[in-house]
Amino acid sequence: LTIRDAESESMVLMLDAQDIAVSLGSSCSSQALKPSHVLLAIGLSPREAQSTLLITLGYTNTVQDIDCLVKALPDVVMRLRQIAGSADFPTSNNQ
């Protein structure tokens, strides 16, 4: 999931603080601060690649887990954009 003007490492940390587990990329990624070569290969810019989250669901995830992410993510993105001073970000209603 690529979210414009929201840095993925910060999103991961803020969601983790709410007990929501997402990641920057595959578990075999060793250089987290570099953009994923896979994301670059599919045409994302380095900036877009660094604004991308990996969200993985498994058999242990519940509907409530998904609801928590859906509720938390817009607020996290809005806070990060405000911190970064992004002037042209959408509101949580039209992300």
PDB file of N, CA and C in Angstrom:
ATOM      1  N   LEU A   1       0.855  -1.159   0.000  1.00  0.00           N
ATOM      2  CA  LEU A   1       0.000   0.000   0.000  1.00  0.00           C
ATOM      3  C   LEU A   1       0.902   1.223   0.000  1.00  0.00           C
ATOM      4  N   THR A   2       0.808   2.049  -1.035  1.00  0.00           N
ATOM      5  CA  THR A   2       1.619   3.261  -1.130  1.00  0.00           C
ATOM      6  C   THR A   2       0.763   4.463  -0.770  1.00  0.00           C
ATOM      7  N   ILE A   3       1.258   5.261   0.171  1.00  0.00           N
ATOM      8  CA  ILE A   3       0.521   6.424   0.654  1.00  0.00           C
ATOM      9  C   ILE A   3       1.394   7.651   0.458  1.00  0.00           C
ATOM     10  N   ARG A   4       0.972   8.504  -0.440  1.00  0.00           N
ATOM     11  CA  ARG A   4       1.728   9.709  -0.786  1.00  0.00           C
ATOM     12  C   ARG A   4       1.976  10.583   0.444  1.00  0.00           C
ATOM     13  N   ASP A   5       3.177  11.122   0.510  1.00  0.00           N
ATOM     14  CA  ASP A   5       3.558  12.074   1.566  1.00  0.00           C
ATOM     15  C   ASP A   5       3.458  11.514   2.982  1.00  0.00           C
ATOM     16  N   ALA A   6       3.726  10.227   3.123  1.00  0.00           N
ATOM     17  CA  ALA A   6       3.790   9.612   4.452  1.00  0.00           C
ATOM     18  C   ALA A   6       4.911   8.583   4.427  1.00  0.00           C
ATOM     19  N   GLU A   7       5.941   8.819   5.207  1.00  0.00           N
ATOM     20  CA  GLU A   7       7.122   7.963   5.200  1.00  0.00           C
ATOM     21  C   GLU A   7       6.808   6.640   5.896  1.00  0.00           C
ATOM     22  N   SER A   8       7.125   5.535   5.225  1.00  0.00           N
ATOM     23  CA  SER A   8       6.701   4.220   5.699  1.00  0.00           C
ATOM     24  C   SER A   8       7.296   3.829   7.049  1.00  0.00           C
ATOM     25  N   GLU A   9       8.553   4.154   7.299  1.00  0.00           N
ATOM     26  CA  GLU A   9       9.148   3.782   8.582  1.00  0.00           C
ATOM     27  C   GLU A   9       8.394   4.444   9.739  1.00  0.00           C
ATOM     28  N   SER A  10       8.007   5.683   9.576  1.00  0.00           N
ATOM     29  CA  SER A  10       7.236   6.380  10.611  1.00  0.00           C
ATOM     30  C   SER A  10       5.852   5.767  10.768  1.00  0.00           C
ATOM     31  N   MET A  11       5.222   5.392   9.645  1.00  0.00           N
ATOM     32  CA  MET A  11       3.909   4.753   9.739  1.00  0.00           C
ATOM     33  C   MET A  11       4.011   3.448  10.515  1.00  0.00           C
ATOM     34  N   VAL A  12       5.054   2.655  10.225  1.00  0.00           N
ATOM     35  CA  VAL A  12       5.243   1.381  10.924  1.00  0.00           C
ATOM     36  C   VAL A  12       5.375   1.617  12.429  1.00  0.00           C
ATOM     37  N   LEU A  13       6.193   2.587  12.818  1.00  0.00           N
ATOM     38  CA  LEU A  13       6.401   2.866  14.242  1.00  0.00           C
ATOM     39  C   LEU A  13       5.125   3.349  14.923  1.00  0.00           C
ATOM     40  N   MET A  14       4.389   4.230  14.256  1.00  0.00           N
ATOM     41  CA  MET A  14       3.166   4.766  14.860  1.00  0.00           C
ATOM     42  C   MET A  14       2.075   3.701  14.959  1.00  0.00           C
ATOM     43  N   LEU A  15       1.979   2.843  13.961  1.00  0.00           N
ATOM     44  CA  LEU A  15       0.995   1.762  14.021  1.00  0.00           C
ATOM     45  C   LEU A  15       1.407   0.725  15.063  1.00  0.00           C
ATOM     46  N   ASP A  16       2.705   0.444  15.151  1.00  0.00           N
ATOM     47  CA  ASP A  16       3.193  -0.499  16.150  1.00  0.00           C
ATOM     48  C   ASP A  16       2.854  -0.023  17.563  1.00  0.00           C
ATOM     49  N   ALA A  17       2.899   1.274  17.781  1.00  0.00           N
ATOM     50  CA  ALA A  17       2.543   1.833  19.090  1.00  0.00           C
ATOM     51  C   ALA A  17       1.082   1.557  19.443  1.00  0.00           C
ATOM     52  N   GLN A  18       0.278   1.231  18.416  1.00  0.00           N
ATOM     53  CA  GLN A  18      -1.133   0.893  18.625  1.00  0.00           C
ATOM     54  C   GLN A  18      -1.354  -0.619  18.503  1.00  0.00           C
ATOM     55  N   ASP A  19      -0.255  -1.379  18.584  1.00  0.00           N
ATOM     56  CA  ASP A  19      -0.284  -2.844  18.476  1.00  0.00           C
ATOM     57  C   ASP A  19      -0.807  -3.329  17.132  1.00  0.00           C
ATOM     58  N   ILE A  20      -0.503  -2.578  16.073  1.00  0.00           N
ATOM     59  CA  ILE A  20      -0.865  -2.967  14.712  1.00  0.00           C
ATOM     60  C   ILE A  20       0.432  -3.267  13.976  1.00  0.00           C
ATOM     61  N   ALA A  21       0.566  -4.497  13.496  1.00  0.00           N
ATOM     62  CA  ALA A  21       1.808  -4.931  12.862  1.00  0.00           C
ATOM     63  C   ALA A  21       1.714  -4.818  11.345  1.00  0.00           C
ATOM     64  N   VAL A  22       2.533  -3.951  10.786  1.00  0.00           N
ATOM     65  CA  VAL A  22       2.742  -3.839   9.346  1.00  0.00           C
ATOM     66  C   VAL A  22       4.254  -3.762   9.162  1.00  0.00           C
ATOM     67  N   SER A  23       4.724  -3.788   7.917  1.00  0.00           N
ATOM     68  CA  SER A  23       6.170  -3.735   7.726  1.00  0.00           C
ATOM     69  C   SER A  23       6.534  -2.870   6.535  1.00  0.00           C
ATOM     70  N   LEU A  24       7.856  -2.652   6.410  1.00  0.00           N
ATOM     71  CA  LEU A  24       8.387  -1.841   5.313  1.00  0.00           C
ATOM     72  C   LEU A  24       8.504  -2.642   4.029  1.00  0.00           C
ATOM     73  N   GLY A  25       8.659  -3.927   4.146  1.00  0.00           N
ATOM     74  CA  GLY A  25       8.854  -4.765   2.967  1.00  0.00           C
ATOM     75  C   GLY A  25       8.958  -6.213   3.375  1.00  0.00           C
ATOM     76  N   SER A  26       9.496  -7.014   2.489  1.00  0.00           N
ATOM     77  CA  SER A  26       9.582  -8.443   2.758  1.00  0.00           C
ATOM     78  C   SER A  26      10.494  -8.710   3.945  1.00  0.00           C
ATOM     79  N   SER A  27      10.291  -9.840   4.568  1.00  0.00           N
ATOM     80  CA  SER A  27      11.081 -10.184   5.752  1.00  0.00           C
ATOM     81  C   SER A  27      12.544 -10.414   5.415  1.00  0.00           C
ATOM     82  N   CYS A  28      12.859 -10.617   4.153  1.00  0.00           N
ATOM     83  CA  CYS A  28      14.253 -10.835   3.780  1.00  0.00           C
ATOM     84  C   CYS A  28      14.945  -9.527   3.399  1.00  0.00           C
ATOM     85  N   SER A  29      14.265  -8.397   3.545  1.00  0.00           N
ATOM     86  CA  SER A  29      14.895  -7.106   3.267  1.00  0.00           C
ATOM     87  C   SER A  29      15.911  -6.810   4.350  1.00  0.00           C
ATOM     88  N   SER A  30      17.153  -6.576   3.951  1.00  0.00           N
ATOM     89  CA  SER A  30      18.182  -6.304   4.949  1.00  0.00           C
ATOM     90  C   SER A  30      18.510  -4.826   5.054  1.00  0.00           C
ATOM     91  N   GLN A  31      18.129  -4.038   4.060  1.00  0.00           N
ATOM     92  CA  GLN A  31      18.474  -2.621   4.055  1.00  0.00           C
ATOM     93  C   GLN A  31      17.197  -1.796   4.085  1.00  0.00           C
ATOM     94  N   ALA A  32      16.600  -1.708   5.276  1.00  0.00           N
ATOM     95  CA  ALA A  32      15.282  -1.094   5.418  1.00  0.00           C
ATOM     96  C   ALA A  32      15.242   0.356   4.958  1.00  0.00           C
ATOM     97  N   LEU A  33      16.343   1.083   5.061  1.00  0.00           N
ATOM     98  CA  LEU A  33      16.307   2.495   4.705  1.00  0.00           C
ATOM     99  C   LEU A  33      16.428   2.733   3.204  1.00  0.00           C
ATOM    100  N   LYS A  34      16.831   1.715   2.458  1.00  0.00           N
ATOM    101  CA  LYS A  34      16.899   1.846   1.006  1.00  0.00           C
ATOM    102  C   LYS A  34      15.551   1.448   0.416  1.00  0.00           C
ATOM    103  N   PRO A  35      15.139   2.109  -0.663  1.00  0.00           N
ATOM    104  CA  PRO A  35      13.884   1.702  -1.303  1.00  0.00           C
ATOM    105  C   PRO A  35      13.983   0.264  -1.807  1.00  0.00           C
ATOM    106  N   SER A  36      12.910  -0.459  -1.720  1.00  0.00           N
ATOM    107  CA  SER A  36      12.864  -1.839  -2.194  1.00  0.00           C
ATOM    108  C   SER A  36      13.151  -1.899  -3.690  1.00  0.00           C
ATOM    109  N   HIS A  37      14.081  -2.762  -4.075  1.00  0.00           N
ATOM    110  CA  HIS A  37      14.382  -2.912  -5.502  1.00  0.00           C
ATOM    111  C   HIS A  37      13.174  -3.458  -6.260  1.00  0.00           C
ATOM    112  N   VAL A  38      12.345  -4.229  -5.587  1.00  0.00           N
ATOM    113  CA  VAL A  38      11.141  -4.766  -6.233  1.00  0.00           C
ATOM    114  C   VAL A  38      10.158  -3.637  -6.532  1.00  0.00           C
ATOM    115  N   LEU A  39       9.948  -2.748  -5.568  1.00  0.00           N
ATOM    116  CA  LEU A  39       9.033  -1.624  -5.788  1.00  0.00           C
ATOM    117  C   LEU A  39       9.560  -0.693  -6.873  1.00  0.00           C
ATOM    118  N   LEU A  40      10.872  -0.492  -6.899  1.00  0.00           N
ATOM    119  CA  LEU A  40      11.464   0.336  -7.959  1.00  0.00           C
ATOM    120  C   LEU A  40      11.296  -0.345  -9.315  1.00  0.00           C
ATOM    121  N   ALA A  41      11.449  -1.664  -9.354  1.00  0.00           N
ATOM    122  CA  ALA A  41      11.340  -2.409 -10.612  1.00  0.00           C
ATOM    123  C   ALA A  41       9.929  -2.368 -11.191  1.00  0.00           C
ATOM    124  N   ILE A  42       8.921  -2.226 -10.339  1.00  0.00           N
ATOM    125  CA  ILE A  42       7.553  -2.161 -10.869  1.00  0.00           C
ATOM    126  C   ILE A  42       7.139  -0.737 -11.213  1.00  0.00           C
ATOM    127  N   GLY A  43       8.103   0.194 -11.094  1.00  0.00           N
ATOM    128  CA  GLY A  43       7.849   1.542 -11.578  1.00  0.00           C
ATOM    129  C   GLY A  43       7.610   2.608 -10.534  1.00  0.00           C
ATOM    130  N   LEU A  44       7.686   2.265  -9.255  1.00  0.00           N
ATOM    131  CA  LEU A  44       7.526   3.301  -8.238  1.00  0.00           C
ATOM    132  C   LEU A  44       8.791   4.147  -8.171  1.00  0.00           C
ATOM    133  N   SER A  45       8.620   5.414  -7.884  1.00  0.00           N
ATOM    134  CA  SER A  45       9.771   6.286  -7.670  1.00  0.00           C
ATOM    135  C   SER A  45      10.375   5.942  -6.307  1.00  0.00           C
ATOM    136  N   PRO A  46      11.617   6.347  -6.055  1.00  0.00           N
ATOM    137  CA  PRO A  46      12.188   6.107  -4.723  1.00  0.00           C
ATOM    138  C   PRO A  46      11.326   6.698  -3.604  1.00  0.00           C
ATOM    139  N   ARG A  47      10.774   7.864  -3.832  1.00  0.00           N
ATOM    140  CA  ARG A  47       9.911   8.489  -2.817  1.00  0.00           C
ATOM    141  C   ARG A  47       8.650   7.653  -2.574  1.00  0.00           C
ATOM    142  N   GLU A  48       8.038   7.157  -3.659  1.00  0.00           N
ATOM    143  CA  GLU A  48       6.856   6.306  -3.503  1.00  0.00           C
ATOM    144  C   GLU A  48       7.218   5.005  -2.788  1.00  0.00           C
ATOM    145  N   ALA A  49       8.356   4.428  -3.151  1.00  0.00           N
ATOM    146  CA  ALA A  49       8.784   3.181  -2.518  1.00  0.00           C
ATOM    147  C   ALA A  49       8.991   3.368  -1.019  1.00  0.00           C
ATOM    148  N   GLN A  50       9.456   4.542  -0.619  1.00  0.00           N
ATOM    149  CA  GLN A  50       9.665   4.815   0.802  1.00  0.00           C
ATOM    150  C   GLN A  50       8.379   5.269   1.495  1.00  0.00           C
ATOM    151  N   SER A  51       7.285   5.253   0.769  1.00  0.00           N
ATOM    152  CA  SER A  51       5.967   5.563   1.335  1.00  0.00           C
ATOM    153  C   SER A  51       5.036   4.363   1.203  1.00  0.00           C
ATOM    154  N   THR A  52       5.634   3.174   1.154  1.00  0.00           N
ATOM    155  CA  THR A  52       4.874   1.954   0.916  1.00  0.00           C
ATOM    156  C   THR A  52       4.948   1.030   2.121  1.00  0.00           C
ATOM    157  N   LEU A  53       3.795   0.511   2.512  1.00  0.00           N
ATOM    158  CA  LEU A  53       3.686  -0.455   3.599  1.00  0.00           C
ATOM    159  C   LEU A  53       3.359  -1.827   3.037  1.00  0.00           C
ATOM    160  N   LEU A  54       3.868  -2.850   3.689  1.00  0.00           N
ATOM    161  CA  LEU A  54       3.471  -4.218   3.393  1.00  0.00           C
ATOM    162  C   LEU A  54       2.482  -4.634   4.471  1.00  0.00           C
ATOM    163  N   ILE A  55       1.288  -4.974   4.045  1.00  0.00           N
ATOM    164  CA  ILE A  55       0.249  -5.421   4.968  1.00  0.00           C
ATOM    165  C   ILE A  55      -0.044  -6.871   4.625  1.00  0.00           C
ATOM    166  N   THR A  56       0.206  -7.751   5.572  1.00  0.00           N
ATOM    167  CA  THR A  56       0.034  -9.181   5.343  1.00  0.00           C
ATOM    168  C   THR A  56      -1.033  -9.707   6.286  1.00  0.00           C
ATOM    169  N   LEU A  57      -1.935 -10.485   5.732  1.00  0.00           N
ATOM    170  CA  LEU A  57      -2.979 -11.109   6.543  1.00  0.00           C
ATOM    171  C   LEU A  57      -2.752 -12.612   6.573  1.00  0.00           C
ATOM    172  N   GLY A  58      -3.044 -13.204   7.710  1.00  0.00           N
ATOM    173  CA  GLY A  58      -2.921 -14.648   7.865  1.00  0.00           C
ATOM    174  C   GLY A  58      -4.159 -15.220   8.524  1.00  0.00           C
ATOM    175  N   TYR A  59      -4.120 -16.520   8.737  1.00  0.00           N
ATOM    176  CA  TYR A  59      -5.295 -17.182   9.295  1.00  0.00           C
ATOM    177  C   TYR A  59      -5.598 -16.748  10.730  1.00  0.00           C
ATOM    178  N   THR A  60      -4.613 -16.166  11.409  1.00  0.00           N
ATOM    179  CA  THR A  60      -4.863 -15.723  12.785  1.00  0.00           C
ATOM    180  C   THR A  60      -5.456 -14.320  12.867  1.00  0.00           C
ATOM    181  N   ASN A  61      -5.432 -13.587  11.757  1.00  0.00           N
ATOM    182  CA  ASN A  61      -6.011 -12.239  11.765  1.00  0.00           C
ATOM    183  C   ASN A  61      -7.527 -12.317  11.834  1.00  0.00           C
ATOM    184  N   THR A  62      -8.100 -11.341  12.503  1.00  0.00           N
ATOM    185  CA  THR A  62      -9.552 -11.277  12.652  1.00  0.00           C
ATOM    186  C   THR A  62     -10.089 -10.049  11.926  1.00  0.00           C
ATOM    187  N   VAL A  63     -11.387 -10.010  11.783  1.00  0.00           N
ATOM    188  CA  VAL A  63     -12.037  -8.835  11.211  1.00  0.00           C
ATOM    189  C   VAL A  63     -11.734  -7.618  12.082  1.00  0.00           C
ATOM    190  N   GLN A  64     -11.657  -7.822  13.384  1.00  0.00           N
ATOM    191  CA  GLN A  64     -11.347  -6.724  14.299  1.00  0.00           C
ATOM    192  C   GLN A  64      -9.938  -6.176  14.045  1.00  0.00           C
ATOM    193  N   ASP A  65      -8.981  -7.052  13.710  1.00  0.00           N
ATOM    194  CA  ASP A  65      -7.626  -6.599  13.376  1.00  0.00           C
ATOM    195  C   ASP A  65      -7.657  -5.666  12.171  1.00  0.00           C
ATOM    196  N   ILE A  66      -8.410  -6.064  11.167  1.00  0.00           N
ATOM    197  CA  ILE A  66      -8.518  -5.257   9.948  1.00  0.00           C
ATOM    198  C   ILE A  66      -9.217  -3.937  10.259  1.00  0.00           C
ATOM    199  N   ASP A  67     -10.285  -3.997  11.041  1.00  0.00           N
ATOM    200  CA  ASP A  67     -10.997  -2.774  11.429  1.00  0.00           C
ATOM    201  C   ASP A  67     -10.081  -1.804  12.174  1.00  0.00           C
ATOM    202  N   CYS A  68      -9.234  -2.331  13.055  1.00  0.00           N
ATOM    203  CA  CYS A  68      -8.293  -1.469  13.798  1.00  0.00           C
ATOM    204  C   CYS A  68      -7.341  -0.763  12.847  1.00  0.00           C
ATOM    205  N   LEU A  69      -6.814  -1.479  11.861  1.00  0.00           N
ATOM    206  CA  LEU A  69      -5.913  -0.868  10.884  1.00  0.00           C
ATOM    207  C   LEU A  69      -6.642   0.187  10.063  1.00  0.00           C
ATOM    208  N   VAL A  70      -7.826  -0.152   9.586  1.00  0.00           N
ATOM    209  CA  VAL A  70      -8.600   0.785   8.763  1.00  0.00           C
ATOM    210  C   VAL A  70      -8.939   2.048   9.551  1.00  0.00           C
ATOM    211  N   LYS A  71      -9.183   1.914  10.831  1.00  0.00           N
ATOM    212  CA  LYS A  71      -9.490   3.077  11.668  1.00  0.00           C
ATOM    213  C   LYS A  71      -8.234   3.886  11.985  1.00  0.00           C
ATOM    214  N   ALA A  72      -7.127   3.223  12.264  1.00  0.00           N
ATOM    215  CA  ALA A  72      -5.907   3.906  12.713  1.00  0.00           C
ATOM    216  C   ALA A  72      -5.117   4.551  11.579  1.00  0.00           C
ATOM    217  N   LEU A  73      -5.075   3.932  10.422  1.00  0.00           N
ATOM    218  CA  LEU A  73      -4.189   4.392   9.353  1.00  0.00           C
ATOM    219  C   LEU A  73      -4.458   5.825   8.893  1.00  0.00           C
ATOM    220  N   PRO A  74      -5.690   6.237   8.649  1.00  0.00           N
ATOM    221  CA  PRO A  74      -5.901   7.629   8.225  1.00  0.00           C
ATOM    222  C   PRO A  74      -5.401   8.652   9.244  1.00  0.00           C
ATOM    223  N   ASP A  75      -5.584   8.375  10.521  1.00  0.00           N
ATOM    224  CA  ASP A  75      -5.103   9.301  11.550  1.00  0.00           C
ATOM    225  C   ASP A  75      -3.581   9.358  11.577  1.00  0.00           C
ATOM    226  N   VAL A  76      -2.938   8.212  11.439  1.00  0.00           N
ATOM    227  CA  VAL A  76      -1.476   8.161  11.405  1.00  0.00           C
ATOM    228  C   VAL A  76      -0.955   8.957  10.217  1.00  0.00           C
ATOM    229  N   VAL A  77      -1.540   8.732   9.053  1.00  0.00           N
ATOM    230  CA  VAL A  77      -1.103   9.433   7.842  1.00  0.00           C
ATOM    231  C   VAL A  77      -1.305  10.939   8.003  1.00  0.00           C
ATOM    232  N   MET A  78      -2.448  11.344   8.523  1.00  0.00           N
ATOM    233  CA  MET A  78      -2.712  12.768   8.700  1.00  0.00           C
ATOM    234  C   MET A  78      -1.699  13.399   9.653  1.00  0.00           C
ATOM    235  N   ARG A  79      -1.403  12.716  10.762  1.00  0.00           N
ATOM    236  CA  ARG A  79      -0.428  13.256  11.715  1.00  0.00           C
ATOM    237  C   ARG A  79       0.954  13.380  11.083  1.00  0.00           C
ATOM    238  N   LEU A  80       1.364  12.378  10.327  1.00  0.00           N
ATOM    239  CA  LEU A  80       2.678  12.437   9.681  1.00  0.00           C
ATOM    240  C   LEU A  80       2.746  13.560   8.657  1.00  0.00           C
ATOM    241  N   ARG A  81       1.682  13.741   7.901  1.00  0.00           N
ATOM    242  CA  ARG A  81       1.669  14.819   6.909  1.00  0.00           C
ATOM    243  C   ARG A  81       1.690  16.181   7.587  1.00  0.00           C
ATOM    244  N   GLN A  82       1.006  16.299   8.709  1.00  0.00           N
ATOM    245  CA  GLN A  82       1.037  17.566   9.445  1.00  0.00           C
ATOM    246  C   GLN A  82       2.429  17.832  10.002  1.00  0.00           C
ATOM    247  N   ILE A  83       3.066  16.812  10.540  1.00  0.00           N
ATOM    248  CA  ILE A  83       4.423  16.952  11.063  1.00  0.00           C
ATOM    249  C   ILE A  83       5.380  17.354   9.952  1.00  0.00           C
ATOM    250  N   ALA A  84       5.213  16.731   8.783  1.00  0.00           N
ATOM    251  CA  ALA A  84       6.097  17.011   7.647  1.00  0.00           C
ATOM    252  C   ALA A  84       5.782  18.346   6.991  1.00  0.00           C
ATOM    253  N   GLY A  85       4.620  18.918   7.301  1.00  0.00           N
ATOM    254  CA  GLY A  85       4.246  20.200   6.720  1.00  0.00           C
ATOM    255  C   GLY A  85       3.755  20.099   5.296  1.00  0.00           C
ATOM    256  N   SER A  86       3.251  18.942   4.909  1.00  0.00           N
ATOM    257  CA  SER A  86       2.726  18.763   3.560  1.00  0.00           C
ATOM    258  C   SER A  86       1.471  19.612   3.404  1.00  0.00           C
ATOM    259  N   ALA A  87       1.503  20.523   2.464  1.00  0.00           N
ATOM    260  CA  ALA A  87       0.405  21.475   2.295  1.00  0.00           C
ATOM    261  C   ALA A  87      -0.779  20.896   1.542  1.00  0.00           C
ATOM    262  N   ASP A  88      -0.546  19.913   0.696  1.00  0.00           N
ATOM    263  CA  ASP A  88      -1.623  19.448  -0.183  1.00  0.00           C
ATOM    264  C   ASP A  88      -1.972  17.990   0.088  1.00  0.00           C
ATOM    265  N   PHE A  89      -2.341  17.683   1.325  1.00  0.00           N
ATOM    266  CA  PHE A  89      -2.739  16.319   1.609  1.00  0.00           C
ATOM    267  C   PHE A  89      -4.244  16.248   1.769  1.00  0.00           C
ATOM    268  N   PRO A  90      -4.826  15.108   1.363  1.00  0.00           N
ATOM    269  CA  PRO A  90      -6.269  14.949   1.502  1.00  0.00           C
ATOM    270  C   PRO A  90      -6.654  14.733   2.961  1.00  0.00           C
ATOM    271  N   THR A  91      -7.892  14.978   3.273  1.00  0.00           N
ATOM    272  CA  THR A  91      -8.386  14.722   4.622  1.00  0.00           C
ATOM    273  C   THR A  91      -8.618  13.236   4.789  1.00  0.00           C
ATOM    274  N   SER A  92      -8.880  12.810   6.006  1.00  0.00           N
ATOM    275  CA  SER A  92      -9.087  11.388   6.259  1.00  0.00           C
ATOM    276  C   SER A  92     -10.325  10.857   5.546  1.00  0.00           C
ATOM    277  N   ASN A  93     -11.215  11.724   5.096  1.00  0.00           N
ATOM    278  CA  ASN A  93     -12.425  11.278   4.404  1.00  0.00           C
ATOM    279  C   ASN A  93     -12.194  10.910   2.950  1.00  0.00           C
ATOM    280  N   ASN A  94     -11.113  11.405   2.342  1.00  0.00           N
ATOM    281  CA  ASN A  94     -10.938  11.117   0.911  1.00  0.00           C
ATOM    282  C   ASN A  94      -9.536  10.631   0.575  1.00  0.00           C
ATOM    283  N   GLN A  95      -8.943   9.869   1.444  1.00  0.00           N
ATOM    284  CA  GLN A  95      -7.635   9.293   1.162  1.00  0.00           C
ATOM    285  C   GLN A  95      -7.811   8.148   0.230  1.00  0.00           C
TER     286      GLN A  95
END
